[in-house]
Amino acid sequence: AEEVCEGQQYDMDFETAAGVTIPDYIRMIERKTAVLLGAALKIGAY
């Protein structure tokens, strides 16, 4: 839940930030979208 909030903050920051890199972008989509998919499976497995 905290990581998803981090991803949303990165996404908003990127709207005006200069020098955003591809690793920055991957980190943003990982937090905003991907970690919840991973957590859904992991929690189900638990």
ModelCIF file with pLDDT and N, C-alpha, C, O atoms, coordinates in Angstrom:
data_MODEL
#
_entry.id   MODEL 
#
_entity.id                         1 
_entity.type                       polymer 
_entity.pdbx_number_of_molecules   1 
#
_entity_poly.entity_id                      1 
_entity_poly.type                           'polypeptide(L)' 
_entity_poly.nstd_linkage                   no 
_entity_poly.nstd_monomer                   no 
_entity_poly.pdbx_seq_one_letter_code       AEEVCEGQQYDMDFETAAGVTIPDYIRMIERKTAVLLGAALKIGAY 
_entity_poly.pdbx_seq_one_letter_code_can   AEEVCEGQQYDMDFETAAGVTIPDYIRMIERKTAVLLGAALKIGAY 
_entity_poly.pdbx_strand_id                 A 
#
loop_
_entity_poly_seq.entity_id 
_entity_poly_seq.num 
_entity_poly_seq.mon_id 
_entity_poly_seq.hetero 
1 1  ALA n 
1 2  GLU n 
1 3  GLU n 
1 4  VAL n 
1 5  CYS n 
1 6  GLU n 
1 7  GLY n 
1 8  GLN n 
1 9  GLN n 
1 10 TYR n 
1 11 ASP n 
1 12 MET n 
1 13 ASP n 
1 14 PHE n 
1 15 GLU n 
1 16 THR n 
1 17 ALA n 
1 18 ALA n 
1 19 GLY n 
1 20 VAL n 
1 21 THR n 
1 22 ILE n 
1 23 PRO n 
1 24 ASP n 
1 25 TYR n 
1 26 ILE n 
1 27 ARG n 
1 28 MET n 
1 29 ILE n 
1 30 GLU n 
1 31 ARG n 
1 32 LYS n 
1 33 THR n 
1 34 ALA n 
1 35 VAL n 
1 36 LEU n 
1 37 LEU n 
1 38 GLY n 
1 39 ALA n 
1 40 ALA n 
1 41 LEU n 
1 42 LYS n 
1 43 ILE n 
1 44 GLY n 
1 45 ALA n 
1 46 TYR n 
#
_struct_asym.id          A 
_struct_asym.entity_id   1 
#
loop_
_ma_qa_metric.id 
_ma_qa_metric.mode 
_ma_qa_metric.name 
_ma_qa_metric.software_group_id 
_ma_qa_metric.type 
1 global pLDDT . pLDDT 
2 local  pLDDT . pLDDT 
#
_ma_qa_metric_global.metric_id      1 
_ma_qa_metric_global.metric_value   96.24 
_ma_qa_metric_global.model_id       1 
_ma_qa_metric_global.ordinal_id     1 
#
loop_
_ma_qa_metric_local.label_asym_id 
_ma_qa_metric_local.label_comp_id 
_ma_qa_metric_local.label_seq_id 
_ma_qa_metric_local.metric_id 
_ma_qa_metric_local.metric_value 
_ma_qa_metric_local.model_id 
_ma_qa_metric_local.ordinal_id 
A ALA 1  2 98.00 1 1  
A GLU 2  2 98.00 1 2  
A GLU 3  2 98.00 1 3  
A VAL 4  2 97.00 1 4  
A CYS 5  2 96.00 1 5  
A GLU 6  2 97.00 1 6  
A GLY 7  2 97.00 1 7  
A GLN 8  2 95.00 1 8  
A GLN 9  2 96.00 1 9  
A TYR 10 2 96.00 1 10 
A ASP 11 2 94.00 1 11 
A MET 12 2 93.00 1 12 
A ASP 13 2 95.00 1 13 
A PHE 14 2 94.00 1 14 
A GLU 15 2 90.00 1 15 
A THR 16 2 91.00 1 16 
A ALA 17 2 92.00 1 17 
A ALA 18 2 89.00 1 18 
A GLY 19 2 91.00 1 19 
A VAL 20 2 96.00 1 20 
A THR 21 2 97.00 1 21 
A ILE 22 2 97.00 1 22 
A PRO 23 2 97.00 1 23 
A ASP 24 2 98.00 1 24 
A TYR 25 2 98.00 1 25 
A ILE 26 2 98.00 1 26 
A ARG 27 2 98.00 1 27 
A MET 28 2 98.00 1 28 
A ILE 29 2 97.00 1 29 
A GLU 30 2 98.00 1 30 
A ARG 31 2 97.00 1 31 
A LYS 32 2 95.00 1 32 
A THR 33 2 94.00 1 33 
A ALA 34 2 97.00 1 34 
A VAL 35 2 98.00 1 35 
A LEU 36 2 98.00 1 36 
A LEU 37 2 97.00 1 37 
A GLY 38 2 98.00 1 38 
A ALA 39 2 98.00 1 39 
A ALA 40 2 98.00 1 40 
A LEU 41 2 98.00 1 41 
A LYS 42 2 98.00 1 42 
A ILE 43 2 98.00 1 43 
A GLY 44 2 98.00 1 44 
A ALA 45 2 98.00 1 45 
A TYR 46 2 98.00 1 46 
#
loop_
_atom_site.group_PDB 
_atom_site.id 
_atom_site.type_symbol 
_atom_site.label_atom_id 
_atom_site.label_alt_id 
_atom_site.label_comp_id 
_atom_site.label_asym_id 
_atom_site.label_entity_id 
_atom_site.label_seq_id 
_atom_site.pdbx_PDB_ins_code 
_atom_site.Cartn_x 
_atom_site.Cartn_y 
_atom_site.Cartn_z 
_atom_site.occupancy 
_atom_site.B_iso_or_equiv 
_atom_site.pdbx_formal_charge 
_atom_site.auth_seq_id 
_atom_site.auth_comp_id 
_atom_site.auth_asym_id 
_atom_site.auth_atom_id 
_atom_site.pdbx_PDB_model_num 
ATOM 1   N N  . ALA A 1 1  ? 0.835  -1.202  0.000   1.00 98.00 ? 1  ALA A N  1 
ATOM 2   C CA . ALA A 1 1  ? 0.000  0.000   0.000   1.00 98.00 ? 1  ALA A CA 1 
ATOM 3   C C  . ALA A 1 1  ? 0.869  1.250   0.000   1.00 98.00 ? 1  ALA A C  1 
ATOM 4   O O  . ALA A 1 1  ? 0.584  2.210   -0.716  1.00 98.00 ? 1  ALA A O  1 
ATOM 5   N N  . GLU A 1 2  ? 1.918  1.236   0.796   1.00 98.00 ? 2  GLU A N  1 
ATOM 6   C CA . GLU A 1 2  ? 2.821  2.382   0.850   1.00 98.00 ? 2  GLU A CA 1 
ATOM 7   C C  . GLU A 1 2  ? 3.557  2.553   -0.471  1.00 98.00 ? 2  GLU A C  1 
ATOM 8   O O  . GLU A 1 2  ? 3.743  3.678   -0.935  1.00 98.00 ? 2  GLU A O  1 
ATOM 9   N N  . GLU A 1 3  ? 3.978  1.451   -1.081  1.00 98.00 ? 3  GLU A N  1 
ATOM 10  C CA . GLU A 1 3  ? 4.694  1.528   -2.355  1.00 98.00 ? 3  GLU A CA 1 
ATOM 11  C C  . GLU A 1 3  ? 3.800  2.075   -3.468  1.00 98.00 ? 3  GLU A C  1 
ATOM 12  O O  . GLU A 1 3  ? 4.268  2.823   -4.327  1.00 98.00 ? 3  GLU A O  1 
ATOM 13  N N  . VAL A 1 4  ? 2.523  1.706   -3.457  1.00 97.00 ? 4  VAL A N  1 
ATOM 14  C CA . VAL A 1 4  ? 1.601  2.245   -4.461  1.00 97.00 ? 4  VAL A CA 1 
ATOM 15  C C  . VAL A 1 4  ? 1.490  3.761   -4.315  1.00 97.00 ? 4  VAL A C  1 
ATOM 16  O O  . VAL A 1 4  ? 1.442  4.479   -5.314  1.00 97.00 ? 4  VAL A O  1 
ATOM 17  N N  . CYS A 1 5  ? 1.450  4.248   -3.080  1.00 96.00 ? 5  CYS A N  1 
ATOM 18  C CA . CYS A 1 5  ? 1.438  5.701   -2.855  1.00 96.00 ? 5  CYS A CA 1 
ATOM 19  C C  . CYS A 1 5  ? 2.730  6.339   -3.364  1.00 96.00 ? 5  CYS A C  1 
ATOM 20  O O  . CYS A 1 5  ? 2.699  7.426   -3.942  1.00 96.00 ? 5  CYS A O  1 
ATOM 21  N N  . GLU A 1 6  ? 3.852  5.677   -3.155  1.00 97.00 ? 6  GLU A N  1 
ATOM 22  C CA . GLU A 1 6  ? 5.121  6.178   -3.678  1.00 97.00 ? 6  GLU A CA 1 
ATOM 23  C C  . GLU A 1 6  ? 5.068  6.283   -5.200  1.00 97.00 ? 6  GLU A C  1 
ATOM 24  O O  . GLU A 1 6  ? 5.519  7.272   -5.778  1.00 97.00 ? 6  GLU A O  1 
ATOM 25  N N  . GLY A 1 7  ? 4.515  5.259   -5.842  1.00 97.00 ? 7  GLY A N  1 
ATOM 26  C CA . GLY A 1 7  ? 4.415  5.270   -7.300  1.00 97.00 ? 7  GLY A CA 1 
ATOM 27  C C  . GLY A 1 7  ? 3.573  6.417   -7.811  1.00 97.00 ? 7  GLY A C  1 
ATOM 28  O O  . GLY A 1 7  ? 3.922  7.051   -8.807  1.00 97.00 ? 7  GLY A O  1 
ATOM 29  N N  . GLN A 1 8  ? 2.466  6.690   -7.139  1.00 95.00 ? 8  GLN A N  1 
ATOM 30  C CA . GLN A 1 8  ? 1.617  7.816   -7.545  1.00 95.00 ? 8  GLN A CA 1 
ATOM 31  C C  . GLN A 1 8  ? 2.339  9.147   -7.369  1.00 95.00 ? 8  GLN A C  1 
ATOM 32  O O  . GLN A 1 8  ? 2.191  10.051  -8.191  1.00 95.00 ? 8  GLN A O  1 
ATOM 33  N N  . GLN A 1 9  ? 3.128  9.266   -6.285  1.00 96.00 ? 9  GLN A N  1 
ATOM 34  C CA . GLN A 1 9  ? 3.882  10.503  -6.074  1.00 96.00 ? 9  GLN A CA 1 
ATOM 35  C C  . GLN A 1 9  ? 4.945  10.684  -7.151  1.00 96.00 ? 9  GLN A C  1 
ATOM 36  O O  . GLN A 1 9  ? 5.127  11.784  -7.672  1.00 96.00 ? 9  GLN A O  1 
ATOM 37  N N  . TYR A 1 10 ? 5.647  9.597   -7.484  1.00 96.00 ? 10 TYR A N  1 
ATOM 38  C CA . TYR A 1 10 ? 6.626  9.676   -8.574  1.00 96.00 ? 10 TYR A CA 1 
ATOM 39  C C  . TYR A 1 10 ? 5.938  10.116  -9.868  1.00 96.00 ? 10 TYR A C  1 
ATOM 40  O O  . TYR A 1 10 ? 6.466  10.962  -10.590 1.00 96.00 ? 10 TYR A O  1 
ATOM 41  N N  . ASP A 1 11 ? 4.769  9.551   -10.166 1.00 94.00 ? 11 ASP A N  1 
ATOM 42  C CA . ASP A 1 11 ? 4.052  9.875   -11.391 1.00 94.00 ? 11 ASP A CA 1 
ATOM 43  C C  . ASP A 1 11 ? 3.716  11.360  -11.438 1.00 94.00 ? 11 ASP A C  1 
ATOM 44  O O  . ASP A 1 11 ? 3.875  12.003  -12.475 1.00 94.00 ? 11 ASP A O  1 
ATOM 45  N N  . MET A 1 12 ? 3.254  11.903  -10.320 1.00 93.00 ? 12 MET A N  1 
ATOM 46  C CA . MET A 1 12 ? 2.939  13.337  -10.278 1.00 93.00 ? 12 MET A CA 1 
ATOM 47  C C  . MET A 1 12 ? 4.206  14.178  -10.392 1.00 93.00 ? 12 MET A C  1 
ATOM 48  O O  . MET A 1 12 ? 4.219  15.198  -11.080 1.00 93.00 ? 12 MET A O  1 
ATOM 49  N N  . ASP A 1 13 ? 5.271  13.748  -9.713  1.00 95.00 ? 13 ASP A N  1 
ATOM 50  C CA . ASP A 1 13 ? 6.530  14.495  -9.783  1.00 95.00 ? 13 ASP A CA 1 
ATOM 51  C C  . ASP A 1 13 ? 7.063  14.562  -11.209 1.00 95.00 ? 13 ASP A C  1 
ATOM 52  O O  . ASP A 1 13 ? 7.619  15.578  -11.627 1.00 95.00 ? 13 ASP A O  1 
ATOM 53  N N  . PHE A 1 14 ? 6.888  13.461  -11.956 1.00 94.00 ? 14 PHE A N  1 
ATOM 54  C CA . PHE A 1 14 ? 7.439  13.382  -13.307 1.00 94.00 ? 14 PHE A CA 1 
ATOM 55  C C  . PHE A 1 14 ? 6.785  14.373  -14.269 1.00 94.00 ? 14 PHE A C  1 
ATOM 56  O O  . PHE A 1 14 ? 7.362  14.700  -15.305 1.00 94.00 ? 14 PHE A O  1 
ATOM 57  N N  . GLU A 1 15 ? 5.587  14.852  -13.934 1.00 90.00 ? 15 GLU A N  1 
ATOM 58  C CA . GLU A 1 15 ? 4.892  15.775  -14.833 1.00 90.00 ? 15 GLU A CA 1 
ATOM 59  C C  . GLU A 1 15 ? 5.701  17.056  -15.052 1.00 90.00 ? 15 GLU A C  1 
ATOM 60  O O  . GLU A 1 15 ? 5.666  17.649  -16.130 1.00 90.00 ? 15 GLU A O  1 
ATOM 61  N N  . THR A 1 16 ? 6.423  17.467  -14.022 1.00 91.00 ? 16 THR A N  1 
ATOM 62  C CA . THR A 1 16 ? 7.180  18.718  -14.123 1.00 91.00 ? 16 THR A CA 1 
ATOM 63  C C  . THR A 1 16 ? 8.692  18.522  -13.989 1.00 91.00 ? 16 THR A C  1 
ATOM 64  O O  . THR A 1 16 ? 9.461  19.464  -14.181 1.00 91.00 ? 16 THR A O  1 
ATOM 65  N N  . ALA A 1 17 ? 9.114  17.305  -13.660 1.00 92.00 ? 17 ALA A N  1 
ATOM 66  C CA . ALA A 1 17 ? 10.543 17.057  -13.424 1.00 92.00 ? 17 ALA A CA 1 
ATOM 67  C C  . ALA A 1 17 ? 11.320 16.995  -14.738 1.00 92.00 ? 17 ALA A C  1 
ATOM 68  O O  . ALA A 1 17 ? 10.843 16.470  -15.744 1.00 92.00 ? 17 ALA A O  1 
ATOM 69  N N  . ALA A 1 18 ? 12.520 17.544  -14.693 1.00 89.00 ? 18 ALA A N  1 
ATOM 70  C CA . ALA A 1 18 ? 13.434 17.421  -15.829 1.00 89.00 ? 18 ALA A CA 1 
ATOM 71  C C  . ALA A 1 18 ? 14.400 16.273  -15.546 1.00 89.00 ? 18 ALA A C  1 
ATOM 72  O O  . ALA A 1 18 ? 14.680 15.951  -14.392 1.00 89.00 ? 18 ALA A O  1 
ATOM 73  N N  . GLY A 1 19 ? 14.901 15.663  -16.613 1.00 91.00 ? 19 GLY A N  1 
ATOM 74  C CA . GLY A 1 19 ? 15.916 14.630  -16.453 1.00 91.00 ? 19 GLY A CA 1 
ATOM 75  C C  . GLY A 1 19 ? 15.402 13.282  -15.988 1.00 91.00 ? 19 GLY A C  1 
ATOM 76  O O  . GLY A 1 19 ? 16.170 12.484  -15.451 1.00 91.00 ? 19 GLY A O  1 
ATOM 77  N N  . VAL A 1 20 ? 14.092 13.004  -16.188 1.00 96.00 ? 20 VAL A N  1 
ATOM 78  C CA . VAL A 1 20 ? 13.557 11.685  -15.835 1.00 96.00 ? 20 VAL A CA 1 
ATOM 79  C C  . VAL A 1 20 ? 14.184 10.651  -16.755 1.00 96.00 ? 20 VAL A C  1 
ATOM 80  O O  . VAL A 1 20 ? 14.215 10.834  -17.972 1.00 96.00 ? 20 VAL A O  1 
ATOM 81  N N  . THR A 1 21 ? 14.684 9.566   -16.180 1.00 97.00 ? 21 THR A N  1 
ATOM 82  C CA . THR A 1 21 ? 15.348 8.516   -16.947 1.00 97.00 ? 21 THR A CA 1 
ATOM 83  C C  . THR A 1 21 ? 14.453 7.293   -17.091 1.00 97.00 ? 21 THR A C  1 
ATOM 84  O O  . THR A 1 21 ? 13.424 7.184   -16.423 1.00 97.00 ? 21 THR A O  1 
ATOM 85  N N  . ILE A 1 22 ? 14.847 6.379   -17.961 1.00 97.00 ? 22 ILE A N  1 
ATOM 86  C CA . ILE A 1 22 ? 14.088 5.139   -18.118 1.00 97.00 ? 22 ILE A CA 1 
ATOM 87  C C  . ILE A 1 22 ? 14.077 4.326   -16.820 1.00 97.00 ? 22 ILE A C  1 
ATOM 88  O O  . ILE A 1 22 ? 13.017 3.819   -16.450 1.00 97.00 ? 22 ILE A O  1 
ATOM 89  N N  . PRO A 1 23 ? 15.208 4.174   -16.105 1.00 97.00 ? 23 PRO A N  1 
ATOM 90  C CA . PRO A 1 23 ? 15.134 3.493   -14.794 1.00 97.00 ? 23 PRO A CA 1 
ATOM 91  C C  . PRO A 1 23 ? 14.176 4.186   -13.823 1.00 97.00 ? 23 PRO A C  1 
ATOM 92  O O  . PRO A 1 23 ? 13.502 3.516   -13.041 1.00 97.00 ? 23 PRO A O  1 
ATOM 93  N N  . ASP A 1 24 ? 14.108 5.525   -13.864 1.00 98.00 ? 24 ASP A N  1 
ATOM 94  C CA . ASP A 1 24 ? 13.141 6.248   -13.033 1.00 98.00 ? 24 ASP A CA 1 
ATOM 95  C C  . ASP A 1 24 ? 11.715 5.833   -13.400 1.00 98.00 ? 24 ASP A C  1 
ATOM 96  O O  . ASP A 1 24 ? 10.878 5.594   -12.529 1.00 98.00 ? 24 ASP A O  1 
ATOM 97  N N  . TYR A 1 25 ? 11.463 5.755   -14.689 1.00 98.00 ? 25 TYR A N  1 
ATOM 98  C CA . TYR A 1 25 ? 10.125 5.402   -15.157 1.00 98.00 ? 25 TYR A CA 1 
ATOM 99  C C  . TYR A 1 25 ? 9.751  3.974   -14.766 1.00 98.00 ? 25 TYR A C  1 
ATOM 100 O O  . TYR A 1 25 ? 8.629  3.717   -14.331 1.00 98.00 ? 25 TYR A O  1 
ATOM 101 N N  . ILE A 1 26 ? 10.686 3.059   -14.920 1.00 98.00 ? 26 ILE A N  1 
ATOM 102 C CA . ILE A 1 26 ? 10.430 1.664   -14.543 1.00 98.00 ? 26 ILE A CA 1 
ATOM 103 C C  . ILE A 1 26 ? 10.139 1.572   -13.051 1.00 98.00 ? 26 ILE A C  1 
ATOM 104 O O  . ILE A 1 26 ? 9.246  0.831   -12.640 1.00 98.00 ? 26 ILE A O  1 
ATOM 105 N N  . ARG A 1 27 ? 10.877 2.311   -12.240 1.00 98.00 ? 27 ARG A N  1 
ATOM 106 C CA . ARG A 1 27 ? 10.617 2.317   -10.802 1.00 98.00 ? 27 ARG A CA 1 
ATOM 107 C C  . ARG A 1 27 ? 9.221  2.843   -10.511 1.00 98.00 ? 27 ARG A C  1 
ATOM 108 O O  . ARG A 1 27 ? 8.533  2.322   -9.633  1.00 98.00 ? 27 ARG A O  1 
ATOM 109 N N  . MET A 1 28 ? 8.790  3.880   -11.246 1.00 98.00 ? 28 MET A N  1 
ATOM 110 C CA . MET A 1 28 ? 7.471  4.452   -11.016 1.00 98.00 ? 28 MET A CA 1 
ATOM 111 C C  . MET A 1 28 ? 6.369  3.447   -11.343 1.00 98.00 ? 28 MET A C  1 
ATOM 112 O O  . MET A 1 28 ? 5.457  3.257   -10.539 1.00 98.00 ? 28 MET A O  1 
ATOM 113 N N  . ILE A 1 29 ? 6.436  2.794   -12.518 1.00 97.00 ? 29 ILE A N  1 
ATOM 114 C CA . ILE A 1 29 ? 5.361  1.864   -12.880 1.00 97.00 ? 29 ILE A CA 1 
ATOM 115 C C  . ILE A 1 29 ? 5.414  0.597   -12.026 1.00 97.00 ? 29 ILE A C  1 
ATOM 116 O O  . ILE A 1 29 ? 4.393  -0.051  -11.794 1.00 97.00 ? 29 ILE A O  1 
ATOM 117 N N  . GLU A 1 30 ? 6.613  0.254   -11.563 1.00 98.00 ? 30 GLU A N  1 
ATOM 118 C CA . GLU A 1 30 ? 6.724  -0.878  -10.645 1.00 98.00 ? 30 GLU A CA 1 
ATOM 119 C C  . GLU A 1 30 ? 5.931  -0.597  -9.373  1.00 98.00 ? 30 GLU A C  1 
ATOM 120 O O  . GLU A 1 30 ? 5.160  -1.442  -8.919  1.00 98.00 ? 30 GLU A O  1 
ATOM 121 N N  . ARG A 1 31 ? 6.119  0.597   -8.795  1.00 97.00 ? 31 ARG A N  1 
ATOM 122 C CA . ARG A 1 31 ? 5.442  0.939   -7.544  1.00 97.00 ? 31 ARG A CA 1 
ATOM 123 C C  . ARG A 1 31 ? 3.953  1.196   -7.780  1.00 97.00 ? 31 ARG A C  1 
ATOM 124 O O  . ARG A 1 31 ? 3.116  0.727   -7.009  1.00 97.00 ? 31 ARG A O  1 
ATOM 125 N N  . LYS A 1 32 ? 3.624  1.922   -8.819  1.00 95.00 ? 32 LYS A N  1 
ATOM 126 C CA . LYS A 1 32 ? 2.232  2.339   -9.022  1.00 95.00 ? 32 LYS A CA 1 
ATOM 127 C C  . LYS A 1 32 ? 1.335  1.184   -9.452  1.00 95.00 ? 32 LYS A C  1 
ATOM 128 O O  . LYS A 1 32 ? 0.159  1.148   -9.090  1.00 95.00 ? 32 LYS A O  1 
ATOM 129 N N  . THR A 1 33 ? 1.874  0.243   -10.219 1.00 94.00 ? 33 THR A N  1 
ATOM 130 C CA . THR A 1 33 ? 1.052  -0.809  -10.813 1.00 94.00 ? 33 THR A CA 1 
ATOM 131 C C  . THR A 1 33 ? 1.513  -2.220  -10.453 1.00 94.00 ? 33 THR A C  1 
ATOM 132 O O  . THR A 1 33 ? 0.713  -3.046  -10.013 1.00 94.00 ? 33 THR A O  1 
ATOM 133 N N  . ALA A 1 34 ? 2.796  -2.491  -10.640 1.00 97.00 ? 34 ALA A N  1 
ATOM 134 C CA . ALA A 1 34 ? 3.264  -3.880  -10.634 1.00 97.00 ? 34 ALA A CA 1 
ATOM 135 C C  . ALA A 1 34 ? 3.280  -4.512  -9.252  1.00 97.00 ? 34 ALA A C  1 
ATOM 136 O O  . ALA A 1 34 ? 2.955  -5.691  -9.114  1.00 97.00 ? 34 ALA A O  1 
ATOM 137 N N  . VAL A 1 35 ? 3.653  -3.752  -8.220  1.00 98.00 ? 35 VAL A N  1 
ATOM 138 C CA . VAL A 1 35 ? 3.788  -4.374  -6.895  1.00 98.00 ? 35 VAL A CA 1 
ATOM 139 C C  . VAL A 1 35 ? 2.457  -4.897  -6.373  1.00 98.00 ? 35 VAL A C  1 
ATOM 140 O O  . VAL A 1 35 ? 2.437  -5.869  -5.618  1.00 98.00 ? 35 VAL A O  1 
ATOM 141 N N  . LEU A 1 36 ? 1.341  -4.276  -6.757  1.00 98.00 ? 36 LEU A N  1 
ATOM 142 C CA . LEU A 1 36 ? 0.047  -4.755  -6.278  1.00 98.00 ? 36 LEU A CA 1 
ATOM 143 C C  . LEU A 1 36 ? -0.318 -6.086  -6.927  1.00 98.00 ? 36 LEU A C  1 
ATOM 144 O O  . LEU A 1 36 ? -0.968 -6.922  -6.299  1.00 98.00 ? 36 LEU A O  1 
ATOM 145 N N  . LEU A 1 37 ? 0.093  -6.292  -8.179  1.00 97.00 ? 37 LEU A N  1 
ATOM 146 C CA . LEU A 1 37 ? -0.126 -7.590  -8.815  1.00 97.00 ? 37 LEU A CA 1 
ATOM 147 C C  . LEU A 1 37 ? 0.695  -8.670  -8.105  1.00 97.00 ? 37 LEU A C  1 
ATOM 148 O O  . LEU A 1 37 ? 0.207  -9.767  -7.836  1.00 97.00 ? 37 LEU A O  1 
ATOM 149 N N  . GLY A 1 38 ? 1.951  -8.331  -7.811  1.00 98.00 ? 38 GLY A N  1 
ATOM 150 C CA . GLY A 1 38 ? 2.790  -9.279  -7.080  1.00 98.00 ? 38 GLY A CA 1 
ATOM 151 C C  . GLY A 1 38 ? 2.231  -9.585  -5.704  1.00 98.00 ? 38 GLY A C  1 
ATOM 152 O O  . GLY A 1 38 ? 2.203  -10.742 -5.283  1.00 98.00 ? 38 GLY A O  1 
ATOM 153 N N  . ALA A 1 39 ? 1.786  -8.553  -5.002  1.00 98.00 ? 39 ALA A N  1 
ATOM 154 C CA . ALA A 1 39 ? 1.253  -8.739  -3.657  1.00 98.00 ? 39 ALA A CA 1 
ATOM 155 C C  . ALA A 1 39 ? -0.027 -9.559  -3.672  1.00 98.00 ? 39 ALA A C  1 
ATOM 156 O O  . ALA A 1 39 ? -0.250 -10.370 -2.773  1.00 98.00 ? 39 ALA A O  1 
ATOM 157 N N  . ALA A 1 40 ? -0.876 -9.360  -4.686  1.00 98.00 ? 40 ALA A N  1 
ATOM 158 C CA . ALA A 1 40 ? -2.120 -10.129 -4.783  1.00 98.00 ? 40 ALA A CA 1 
ATOM 159 C C  . ALA A 1 40 ? -1.815 -11.625 -4.837  1.00 98.00 ? 40 ALA A C  1 
ATOM 160 O O  . ALA A 1 40 ? -2.440 -12.420 -4.136  1.00 98.00 ? 40 ALA A O  1 
ATOM 161 N N  . LEU A 1 41 ? -0.858 -11.994 -5.668  1.00 98.00 ? 41 LEU A N  1 
ATOM 162 C CA . LEU A 1 41 ? -0.479 -13.406 -5.775  1.00 98.00 ? 41 LEU A CA 1 
ATOM 163 C C  . LEU A 1 41 ? 0.179  -13.909 -4.492  1.00 98.00 ? 41 LEU A C  1 
ATOM 164 O O  . LEU A 1 41 ? -0.119 -15.008 -4.024  1.00 98.00 ? 41 LEU A O  1 
ATOM 165 N N  . LYS A 1 42 ? 1.063  -13.110 -3.937  1.00 98.00 ? 42 LYS A N  1 
ATOM 166 C CA . LYS A 1 42 ? 1.791  -13.529 -2.739  1.00 98.00 ? 42 LYS A CA 1 
ATOM 167 C C  . LYS A 1 42 ? 0.848  -13.706 -1.557  1.00 98.00 ? 42 LYS A C  1 
ATOM 168 O O  . LYS A 1 42 ? 0.953  -14.687 -0.820  1.00 98.00 ? 42 LYS A O  1 
ATOM 169 N N  . ILE A 1 43 ? -0.066 -12.768 -1.372  1.00 98.00 ? 43 ILE A N  1 
ATOM 170 C CA . ILE A 1 43 ? -1.018 -12.854 -0.271  1.00 98.00 ? 43 ILE A CA 1 
ATOM 171 C C  . ILE A 1 43 ? -1.940 -14.060 -0.455  1.00 98.00 ? 43 ILE A C  1 
ATOM 172 O O  . ILE A 1 43 ? -2.246 -14.764 0.507   1.00 98.00 ? 43 ILE A O  1 
ATOM 173 N N  . GLY A 1 44 ? -2.386 -14.297 -1.701  1.00 98.00 ? 44 GLY A N  1 
ATOM 174 C CA . GLY A 1 44 ? -3.189 -15.472 -1.975  1.00 98.00 ? 44 GLY A CA 1 
ATOM 175 C C  . GLY A 1 44 ? -2.438 -16.755 -1.658  1.00 98.00 ? 44 GLY A C  1 
ATOM 176 O O  . GLY A 1 44 ? -2.999 -17.691 -1.088  1.00 98.00 ? 44 GLY A O  1 
ATOM 177 N N  . ALA A 1 45 ? -1.156 -16.791 -2.033  1.00 98.00 ? 45 ALA A N  1 
ATOM 178 C CA . ALA A 1 45 ? -0.328 -17.969 -1.745  1.00 98.00 ? 45 ALA A CA 1 
ATOM 179 C C  . ALA A 1 45 ? -0.168 -18.166 -0.241  1.00 98.00 ? 45 ALA A C  1 
ATOM 180 O O  . ALA A 1 45 ? -0.234 -19.294 0.245   1.00 98.00 ? 45 ALA A O  1 
ATOM 181 N N  . TYR A 1 46 ? 0.041  -17.086 0.492   1.00 98.00 ? 46 TYR A N  1 
ATOM 182 C CA . TYR A 1 46 ? 0.111  -17.182 1.950   1.00 98.00 ? 46 TYR A CA 1 
ATOM 183 C C  . TYR A 1 46 ? -1.172 -17.792 2.513   1.00 98.00 ? 46 TYR A C  1 
ATOM 184 O O  . TYR A 1 46 ? -1.298 -17.953 3.727   1.00 98.00 ? 46 TYR A O  1 
#
